[in-house]
Amino acid sequence: MKLNHIFLAFTALVGIACGALLVAKPELRDAAVMPYLWVLIAMAVFELGMYARFGGMFLSIEVRMLGFMLAVLFMAGIPFVAGSPGRLF
């Protein structure tokens, strides 16, 4: 599997996890670190791990943006579909 596919699957899982967490605990929307920053932190950890393992940056900016949009879509869509109270952002 290409690294791009692994990264996109990872960001989708991060988005699903964040969305499920926001459904379970809606008060986390008002935390010090905004939920969309959770996604950025997870992406940074993934890229730092890849840099430490392989010694280079292999993802293009397009794949990074697509992964971020995919994660935010899941993170915002899951609470919306679940009918969770509160604001999205």
PDB file of N, CA and C in Angstrom:
ATOM      1  N   MET A   1       0.839  -1.181   0.000  1.00  0.00           N
ATOM      2  CA  MET A   1       0.000   0.000   0.000  1.00  0.00           C
ATOM      3  C   MET A   1       0.883   1.242   0.000  1.00  0.00           C
ATOM      4  N   LYS A   2       0.505   2.224  -0.763  1.00  0.00           N
ATOM      5  CA  LYS A   2       1.282   3.448  -0.819  1.00  0.00           C
ATOM      6  C   LYS A   2       1.102   4.253   0.468  1.00  0.00           C
ATOM      7  N   LEU A   3       2.103   5.049   0.761  1.00  0.00           N
ATOM      8  CA  LEU A   3       2.073   5.875   1.959  1.00  0.00           C
ATOM      9  C   LEU A   3       0.902   6.855   1.929  1.00  0.00           C
ATOM     10  N   ASN A   4       0.541   7.333   0.752  1.00  0.00           N
ATOM     11  CA  ASN A   4      -0.604   8.246   0.635  1.00  0.00           C
ATOM     12  C   ASN A   4      -1.888   7.591   1.120  1.00  0.00           C
ATOM     13  N   HIS A   5      -2.109   6.332   0.743  1.00  0.00           N
ATOM     14  CA  HIS A   5      -3.313   5.617   1.164  1.00  0.00           C
ATOM     15  C   HIS A   5      -3.304   5.364   2.667  1.00  0.00           C
ATOM     16  N   ILE A   6      -2.150   5.038   3.207  1.00  0.00           N
ATOM     17  CA  ILE A   6      -2.045   4.816   4.647  1.00  0.00           C
ATOM     18  C   ILE A   6      -2.346   6.113   5.394  1.00  0.00           C
ATOM     19  N   PHE A   7      -1.813   7.223   4.902  1.00  0.00           N
ATOM     20  CA  PHE A   7      -2.055   8.516   5.532  1.00  0.00           C
ATOM     21  C   PHE A   7      -3.530   8.891   5.481  1.00  0.00           C
ATOM     22  N   LEU A   8      -4.170   8.690   4.340  1.00  0.00           N
ATOM     23  CA  LEU A   8      -5.594   9.022   4.222  1.00  0.00           C
ATOM     24  C   LEU A   8      -6.450   8.136   5.119  1.00  0.00           C
ATOM     25  N   ALA A   9      -6.105   6.863   5.235  1.00  0.00           N
ATOM     26  CA  ALA A   9      -6.830   5.976   6.144  1.00  0.00           C
ATOM     27  C   ALA A   9      -6.621   6.420   7.589  1.00  0.00           C
ATOM     28  N   PHE A  10      -5.407   6.817   7.919  1.00  0.00           N
ATOM     29  CA  PHE A  10      -5.114   7.303   9.265  1.00  0.00           C
ATOM     30  C   PHE A  10      -5.927   8.554   9.589  1.00  0.00           C
ATOM     31  N   THR A  11      -5.969   9.512   8.669  1.00  0.00           N
ATOM     32  CA  THR A  11      -6.727  10.730   8.935  1.00  0.00           C
ATOM     33  C   THR A  11      -8.221  10.459   9.024  1.00  0.00           C
ATOM     34  N   ALA A  12      -8.713   9.505   8.236  1.00  0.00           N
ATOM     35  CA  ALA A  12     -10.126   9.135   8.345  1.00  0.00           C
ATOM     36  C   ALA A  12     -10.409   8.541   9.725  1.00  0.00           C
ATOM     37  N   LEU A  13      -9.530   7.692  10.201  1.00  0.00           N
ATOM     38  CA  LEU A  13      -9.715   7.107  11.537  1.00  0.00           C
ATOM     39  C   LEU A  13      -9.627   8.168  12.630  1.00  0.00           C
ATOM     40  N   VAL A  14      -8.728   9.117  12.479  1.00  0.00           N
ATOM     41  CA  VAL A  14      -8.623  10.209  13.448  1.00  0.00           C
ATOM     42  C   VAL A  14      -9.906  11.041  13.441  1.00  0.00           C
ATOM     43  N   GLY A  15     -10.435  11.332  12.262  1.00  0.00           N
ATOM     44  CA  GLY A  15     -11.676  12.094  12.168  1.00  0.00           C
ATOM     45  C   GLY A  15     -12.853  11.357  12.788  1.00  0.00           C
ATOM     46  N   ILE A  16     -12.926  10.057  12.544  1.00  0.00           N
ATOM     47  CA  ILE A  16     -13.997   9.250  13.135  1.00  0.00           C
ATOM     48  C   ILE A  16     -13.866   9.213  14.654  1.00  0.00           C
ATOM     49  N   ALA A  17     -12.644   9.050  15.149  1.00  0.00           N
ATOM     50  CA  ALA A  17     -12.423   9.020  16.596  1.00  0.00           C
ATOM     51  C   ALA A  17     -12.778  10.355  17.233  1.00  0.00           C
ATOM     52  N   CYS A  18     -12.381  11.453  16.607  1.00  0.00           N
ATOM     53  CA  CYS A  18     -12.710  12.778  17.137  1.00  0.00           C
ATOM     54  C   CYS A  18     -14.218  13.023  17.111  1.00  0.00           C
ATOM     55  N   GLY A  19     -14.864  12.630  16.030  1.00  0.00           N
ATOM     56  CA  GLY A  19     -16.315  12.787  15.937  1.00  0.00           C
ATOM     57  C   GLY A  19     -17.046  11.972  16.985  1.00  0.00           C
ATOM     58  N   ALA A  20     -16.607  10.746  17.196  1.00  0.00           N
ATOM     59  CA  ALA A  20     -17.232   9.896  18.223  1.00  0.00           C
ATOM     60  C   ALA A  20     -17.002  10.469  19.612  1.00  0.00           C
ATOM     61  N   LEU A  21     -15.823  11.013  19.829  1.00  0.00           N
ATOM     62  CA  LEU A  21     -15.525  11.626  21.127  1.00  0.00           C
ATOM     63  C   LEU A  21     -16.386  12.854  21.363  1.00  0.00           C
ATOM     64  N   LEU A  22     -16.633  13.638  20.316  1.00  0.00           N
ATOM     65  CA  LEU A  22     -17.487  14.816  20.457  1.00  0.00           C
ATOM     66  C   LEU A  22     -18.950  14.451  20.669  1.00  0.00           C
ATOM     67  N   VAL A  23     -19.367  13.296  20.167  1.00  0.00           N
ATOM     68  CA  VAL A  23     -20.732  12.836  20.428  1.00  0.00           C
ATOM     69  C   VAL A  23     -20.843  12.361  21.873  1.00  0.00           C
ATOM     70  N   ALA A  24     -19.832  11.633  22.340  1.00  0.00           N
ATOM     71  CA  ALA A  24     -19.869  11.093  23.701  1.00  0.00           C
ATOM     72  C   ALA A  24     -19.720  12.188  24.757  1.00  0.00           C
ATOM     73  N   LYS A  25     -18.883  13.173  24.488  1.00  0.00           N
ATOM     74  CA  LYS A  25     -18.638  14.253  25.445  1.00  0.00           C
ATOM     75  C   LYS A  25     -18.692  15.606  24.719  1.00  0.00           C
ATOM     76  N   PRO A  26     -19.878  16.166  24.538  1.00  0.00           N
ATOM     77  CA  PRO A  26     -20.006  17.443  23.805  1.00  0.00           C
ATOM     78  C   PRO A  26     -19.272  18.607  24.463  1.00  0.00           C
ATOM     79  N   GLU A  27     -19.003  18.517  25.753  1.00  0.00           N
ATOM     80  CA  GLU A  27     -18.318  19.615  26.436  1.00  0.00           C
ATOM     81  C   GLU A  27     -16.857  19.759  25.990  1.00  0.00           C
ATOM     82  N   LEU A  28     -16.324  18.766  25.298  1.00  0.00           N
ATOM     83  CA  LEU A  28     -14.952  18.852  24.793  1.00  0.00           C
ATOM     84  C   LEU A  28     -14.806  19.885  23.679  1.00  0.00           C
ATOM     85  N   ARG A  29     -15.916  20.344  23.116  1.00  0.00           N
ATOM     86  CA  ARG A  29     -15.850  21.388  22.084  1.00  0.00           C
ATOM     87  C   ARG A  29     -15.309  22.689  22.644  1.00  0.00           C
ATOM     88  N   ASP A  30     -15.461  22.868  23.967  1.00  0.00           N
ATOM     89  CA  ASP A  30     -15.011  24.097  24.609  1.00  0.00           C
ATOM     90  C   ASP A  30     -13.669  23.915  25.307  1.00  0.00           C
ATOM     91  N   ALA A  31     -12.928  22.864  24.967  1.00  0.00           N
ATOM     92  CA  ALA A  31     -11.623  22.615  25.582  1.00  0.00           C
ATOM     93  C   ALA A  31     -10.616  23.669  25.126  1.00  0.00           C
ATOM     94  N   ALA A  32      -9.479  23.709  25.813  1.00  0.00           N
ATOM     95  CA  ALA A  32      -8.442  24.686  25.479  1.00  0.00           C
ATOM     96  C   ALA A  32      -7.908  24.480  24.068  1.00  0.00           C
ATOM     97  N   VAL A  33      -7.816  23.225  23.646  1.00  0.00           N
ATOM     98  CA  VAL A  33      -7.351  22.896  22.295  1.00  0.00           C
ATOM     99  C   VAL A  33      -8.581  22.542  21.472  1.00  0.00           C
ATOM    100  N   MET A  34      -8.833  23.309  20.424  1.00  0.00           N
ATOM    101  CA  MET A  34     -10.012  23.086  19.583  1.00  0.00           C
ATOM    102  C   MET A  34      -9.927  21.728  18.892  1.00  0.00           C
ATOM    103  N   PRO A  35     -11.070  21.085  18.640  1.00  0.00           N
ATOM    104  CA  PRO A  35     -11.054  19.743  18.046  1.00  0.00           C
ATOM    105  C   PRO A  35     -10.363  19.644  16.689  1.00  0.00           C
ATOM    106  N   TYR A  36     -10.454  20.667  15.848  1.00  0.00           N
ATOM    107  CA  TYR A  36      -9.768  20.555  14.564  1.00  0.00           C
ATOM    108  C   TYR A  36      -8.251  20.583  14.743  1.00  0.00           C
ATOM    109  N   LEU A  37      -7.774  21.148  15.850  1.00  0.00           N
ATOM    110  CA  LEU A  37      -6.345  21.098  16.138  1.00  0.00           C
ATOM    111  C   LEU A  37      -5.909  19.698  16.557  1.00  0.00           C
ATOM    112  N   TRP A  38      -6.845  18.895  17.102  1.00  0.00           N
ATOM    113  CA  TRP A  38      -6.528  17.498  17.421  1.00  0.00           C
ATOM    114  C   TRP A  38      -6.108  16.782  16.145  1.00  0.00           C
ATOM    115  N   VAL A  39      -6.814  17.080  15.064  1.00  0.00           N
ATOM    116  CA  VAL A  39      -6.505  16.462  13.772  1.00  0.00           C
ATOM    117  C   VAL A  39      -5.124  16.897  13.294  1.00  0.00           C
ATOM    118  N   LEU A  40      -4.836  18.182  13.399  1.00  0.00           N
ATOM    119  CA  LEU A  40      -3.536  18.677  12.968  1.00  0.00           C
ATOM    120  C   LEU A  40      -2.401  18.087  13.802  1.00  0.00           C
ATOM    121  N   ILE A  41      -2.631  17.926  15.094  1.00  0.00           N
ATOM    122  CA  ILE A  41      -1.622  17.327  15.964  1.00  0.00           C
ATOM    123  C   ILE A  41      -1.389  15.871  15.575  1.00  0.00           C
ATOM    124  N   ALA A  42      -2.463  15.128  15.308  1.00  0.00           N
ATOM    125  CA  ALA A  42      -2.322  13.730  14.895  1.00  0.00           C
ATOM    126  C   ALA A  42      -1.588  13.628  13.564  1.00  0.00           C
ATOM    127  N   MET A  43      -1.871  14.533  12.638  1.00  0.00           N
ATOM    128  CA  MET A  43      -1.176  14.531  11.353  1.00  0.00           C
ATOM    129  C   MET A  43       0.306  14.838  11.541  1.00  0.00           C
ATOM    130  N   ALA A  44       0.619  15.765  12.429  1.00  0.00           N
ATOM    131  CA  ALA A  44       2.017  16.107  12.690  1.00  0.00           C
ATOM    132  C   ALA A  44       2.761  14.934  13.314  1.00  0.00           C
ATOM    133  N   VAL A  45       2.102  14.224  14.217  1.00  0.00           N
ATOM    134  CA  VAL A  45       2.724  13.048  14.830  1.00  0.00           C
ATOM    135  C   VAL A  45       2.984  11.978  13.776  1.00  0.00           C
ATOM    136  N   PHE A  46       2.043  11.768  12.870  1.00  0.00           N
ATOM    137  CA  PHE A  46       2.233  10.795  11.792  1.00  0.00           C
ATOM    138  C   PHE A  46       3.437  11.183  10.934  1.00  0.00           C
ATOM    139  N   GLU A  47       3.496  12.448  10.539  1.00  0.00           N
ATOM    140  CA  GLU A  47       4.589  12.881   9.670  1.00  0.00           C
ATOM    141  C   GLU A  47       5.929  12.855  10.390  1.00  0.00           C
ATOM    142  N   LEU A  48       5.955  13.193  11.670  1.00  0.00           N
ATOM    143  CA  LEU A  48       7.201  13.096  12.420  1.00  0.00           C
ATOM    144  C   LEU A  48       7.658  11.649  12.533  1.00  0.00           C
ATOM    145  N   GLY A  49       6.706  10.742  12.710  1.00  0.00           N
ATOM    146  CA  GLY A  49       7.043   9.320  12.743  1.00  0.00           C
ATOM    147  C   GLY A  49       7.607   8.839  11.417  1.00  0.00           C
ATOM    148  N   MET A  50       7.012   9.294  10.325  1.00  0.00           N
ATOM    149  CA  MET A  50       7.522   8.912   9.008  1.00  0.00           C
ATOM    150  C   MET A  50       8.893   9.531   8.754  1.00  0.00           C
ATOM    151  N   TYR A  51       9.095  10.741   9.230  1.00  0.00           N
ATOM    152  CA  TYR A  51      10.390  11.380   9.061  1.00  0.00           C
ATOM    153  C   TYR A  51      11.458  10.645   9.869  1.00  0.00           C
ATOM    154  N   ALA A  52      11.107  10.254  11.101  1.00  0.00           N
ATOM    155  CA  ALA A  52      12.055   9.531  11.944  1.00  0.00           C
ATOM    156  C   ALA A  52      12.353   8.139  11.380  1.00  0.00           C
ATOM    157  N   ARG A  53      11.357   7.508  10.788  1.00  0.00           N
ATOM    158  CA  ARG A  53      11.530   6.149  10.278  1.00  0.00           C
ATOM    159  C   ARG A  53      12.273   6.117   8.953  1.00  0.00           C
ATOM    160  N   PHE A  54      11.901   6.996   8.037  1.00  0.00           N
ATOM    161  CA  PHE A  54      12.449   6.940   6.683  1.00  0.00           C
ATOM    162  C   PHE A  54      13.384   8.102   6.347  1.00  0.00           C
ATOM    163  N   GLY A  55      13.439   9.121   7.171  1.00  0.00           N
ATOM    164  CA  GLY A  55      14.368  10.207   6.954  1.00  0.00           C
ATOM    165  C   GLY A  55      14.004  11.170   5.852  1.00  0.00           C
ATOM    166  N   GLY A  56      12.750  11.371   5.584  1.00  0.00           N
ATOM    167  CA  GLY A  56      12.359  12.321   4.552  1.00  0.00           C
ATOM    168  C   GLY A  56      10.869  12.568   4.575  1.00  0.00           C
ATOM    169  N   MET A  57      10.448  13.597   3.890  1.00  0.00           N
ATOM    170  CA  MET A  57       9.030  13.907   3.762  1.00  0.00           C
ATOM    171  C   MET A  57       8.544  13.367   2.428  1.00  0.00           C
ATOM    172  N   PHE A  58       7.528  12.531   2.457  1.00  0.00           N
ATOM    173  CA  PHE A  58       7.073  11.850   1.255  1.00  0.00           C
ATOM    174  C   PHE A  58       5.678  12.258   0.805  1.00  0.00           C
ATOM    175  N   LEU A  59       4.965  13.009   1.621  1.00  0.00           N
ATOM    176  CA  LEU A  59       3.588  13.376   1.293  1.00  0.00           C
ATOM    177  C   LEU A  59       3.555  14.733   0.598  1.00  0.00           C
ATOM    178  N   SER A  60       2.742  14.825  -0.425  1.00  0.00           N
ATOM    179  CA  SER A  60       2.585  16.108  -1.106  1.00  0.00           C
ATOM    180  C   SER A  60       1.582  16.968  -0.333  1.00  0.00           C
ATOM    181  N   ILE A  61       1.578  18.239  -0.618  1.00  0.00           N
ATOM    182  CA  ILE A  61       0.666  19.156   0.058  1.00  0.00           C
ATOM    183  C   ILE A  61      -0.789  18.825  -0.291  1.00  0.00           C
ATOM    184  N   GLU A  62      -1.017  18.305  -1.486  1.00  0.00           N
ATOM    185  CA  GLU A  62      -2.376  17.928  -1.878  1.00  0.00           C
ATOM    186  C   GLU A  62      -2.906  16.795  -1.009  1.00  0.00           C
ATOM    187  N   VAL A  63      -2.062  15.817  -0.735  1.00  0.00           N
ATOM    188  CA  VAL A  63      -2.474  14.685   0.103  1.00  0.00           C
ATOM    189  C   VAL A  63      -2.689  15.144   1.538  1.00  0.00           C
ATOM    190  N   ARG A  64      -1.855  16.042   2.006  1.00  0.00           N
ATOM    191  CA  ARG A  64      -2.028  16.572   3.364  1.00  0.00           C
ATOM    192  C   ARG A  64      -3.355  17.317   3.498  1.00  0.00           C
ATOM    193  N   MET A  65      -3.666  18.149   2.505  1.00  0.00           N
ATOM    194  CA  MET A  65      -4.929  18.901   2.545  1.00  0.00           C
ATOM    195  C   MET A  65      -6.135  17.984   2.422  1.00  0.00           C
ATOM    196  N   LEU A  66      -6.041  16.991   1.540  1.00  0.00           N
ATOM    197  CA  LEU A  66      -7.129  16.036   1.389  1.00  0.00           C
ATOM    198  C   LEU A  66      -7.359  15.271   2.689  1.00  0.00           C
ATOM    199  N   GLY A  67      -6.270  14.858   3.336  1.00  0.00           N
ATOM    200  CA  GLY A  67      -6.389  14.165   4.614  1.00  0.00           C
ATOM    201  C   GLY A  67      -7.019  15.036   5.679  1.00  0.00           C
ATOM    202  N   PHE A  68      -6.619  16.309   5.732  1.00  0.00           N
ATOM    203  CA  PHE A  68      -7.198  17.226   6.711  1.00  0.00           C
ATOM    204  C   PHE A  68      -8.689  17.429   6.450  1.00  0.00           C
ATOM    205  N   MET A  69      -9.048  17.645   5.187  1.00  0.00           N
ATOM    206  CA  MET A  69     -10.467  17.833   4.858  1.00  0.00           C
ATOM    207  C   MET A  69     -11.283  16.586   5.161  1.00  0.00           C
ATOM    208  N   LEU A  70     -10.728  15.422   4.887  1.00  0.00           N
ATOM    209  CA  LEU A  70     -11.415  14.165   5.173  1.00  0.00           C
ATOM    210  C   LEU A  70     -11.642  14.004   6.676  1.00  0.00           C
ATOM    211  N   ALA A  71     -10.613  14.288   7.465  1.00  0.00           N
ATOM    212  CA  ALA A  71     -10.736  14.159   8.916  1.00  0.00           C
ATOM    213  C   ALA A  71     -11.745  15.151   9.483  1.00  0.00           C
ATOM    214  N   VAL A  72     -11.703  16.399   9.009  1.00  0.00           N
ATOM    215  CA  VAL A  72     -12.645  17.408   9.510  1.00  0.00           C
ATOM    216  C   VAL A  72     -14.070  17.081   9.062  1.00  0.00           C
ATOM    217  N   LEU A  73     -14.213  16.527   7.881  1.00  0.00           N
ATOM    218  CA  LEU A  73     -15.544  16.111   7.415  1.00  0.00           C
ATOM    219  C   LEU A  73     -16.134  15.056   8.347  1.00  0.00           C
ATOM    220  N   PHE A  74     -15.351  14.059   8.681  1.00  0.00           N
ATOM    221  CA  PHE A  74     -15.835  13.036   9.616  1.00  0.00           C
ATOM    222  C   PHE A  74     -16.053  13.624  11.003  1.00  0.00           C
ATOM    223  N   MET A  75     -15.126  14.477  11.464  1.00  0.00           N
ATOM    224  CA  MET A  75     -15.230  15.040  12.799  1.00  0.00           C
ATOM    225  C   MET A  75     -16.476  15.917  12.943  1.00  0.00           C
ATOM    226  N   ALA A  76     -16.843  16.648  11.910  1.00  0.00           N
ATOM    227  CA  ALA A  76     -18.031  17.502  11.969  1.00  0.00           C
ATOM    228  C   ALA A  76     -19.287  16.750  11.563  1.00  0.00           C
ATOM    229  N   GLY A  77     -19.160  15.782  10.667  1.00  0.00           N
ATOM    230  CA  GLY A  77     -20.327  15.060  10.172  1.00  0.00           C
ATOM    231  C   GLY A  77     -20.925  14.087  11.162  1.00  0.00           C
ATOM    232  N   ILE A  78     -20.090  13.407  11.916  1.00  0.00           N
ATOM    233  CA  ILE A  78     -20.602  12.413  12.859  1.00  0.00           C
ATOM    234  C   ILE A  78     -21.470  13.059  13.939  1.00  0.00           C
ATOM    235  N   PRO A  79     -21.034  14.145  14.612  1.00  0.00           N
ATOM    236  CA  PRO A  79     -21.934  14.786  15.578  1.00  0.00           C
ATOM    237  C   PRO A  79     -23.195  15.357  14.934  1.00  0.00           C
ATOM    238  N   PHE A  80     -23.083  15.860  13.704  1.00  0.00           N
ATOM    239  CA  PHE A  80     -24.249  16.407  13.019  1.00  0.00           C
ATOM    240  C   PHE A  80     -25.275  15.317  12.752  1.00  0.00           C
ATOM    241  N   VAL A  81     -24.829  14.178  12.233  1.00  0.00           N
ATOM    242  CA  VAL A  81     -25.735  13.066  11.931  1.00  0.00           C
ATOM    243  C   VAL A  81     -26.292  12.466  13.225  1.00  0.00           C
ATOM    244  N   ALA A  82     -25.480  12.448  14.278  1.00  0.00           N
ATOM    245  CA  ALA A  82     -25.935  11.886  15.548  1.00  0.00           C
ATOM    246  C   ALA A  82     -26.883  12.807  16.285  1.00  0.00           C
ATOM    247  N   GLY A  83     -26.982  14.055  15.848  1.00  0.00           N
ATOM    248  CA  GLY A  83     -27.870  15.011  16.502  1.00  0.00           C
ATOM    249  C   GLY A  83     -27.326  15.523  17.815  1.00  0.00           C
ATOM    250  N   SER A  84     -26.022  15.544  17.932  1.00  0.00           N
ATOM    251  CA  SER A  84     -25.382  16.008  19.149  1.00  0.00           C
ATOM    252  C   SER A  84     -25.622  17.504  19.332  1.00  0.00           C
ATOM    253  N   PRO A  85     -25.953  17.929  20.548  1.00  0.00           N
ATOM    254  CA  PRO A  85     -26.216  19.349  20.764  1.00  0.00           C
ATOM    255  C   PRO A  85     -24.929  20.164  20.740  1.00  0.00           C
ATOM    256  N   GLY A  86     -25.066  21.419  20.457  1.00  0.00           N
ATOM    257  CA  GLY A  86     -23.919  22.315  20.513  1.00  0.00           C
ATOM    258  C   GLY A  86     -23.451  22.727  19.132  1.00  0.00           C
ATOM    259  N   ARG A  87     -22.491  23.635  19.141  1.00  0.00           N
ATOM    260  CA  ARG A  87     -21.953  24.159  17.889  1.00  0.00           C
ATOM    261  C   ARG A  87     -20.934  23.190  17.317  1.00  0.00           C
ATOM    262  N   LEU A  88     -20.682  23.321  16.025  1.00  0.00           N
ATOM    263  CA  LEU A  88     -19.700  22.444  15.403  1.00  0.00           C
ATOM    264  C   LEU A  88     -18.295  22.994  15.579  1.00  0.00           C
ATOM    265  N   PHE A  89     -18.120  24.315  15.403  1.00  0.00           N
ATOM    266  CA  PHE A  89     -16.781  24.907  15.540  1.00  0.00           C
ATOM    267  C   PHE A  89     -16.835  26.122  16.394  1.00  0.00           C
TER     268      PHE A  89
END
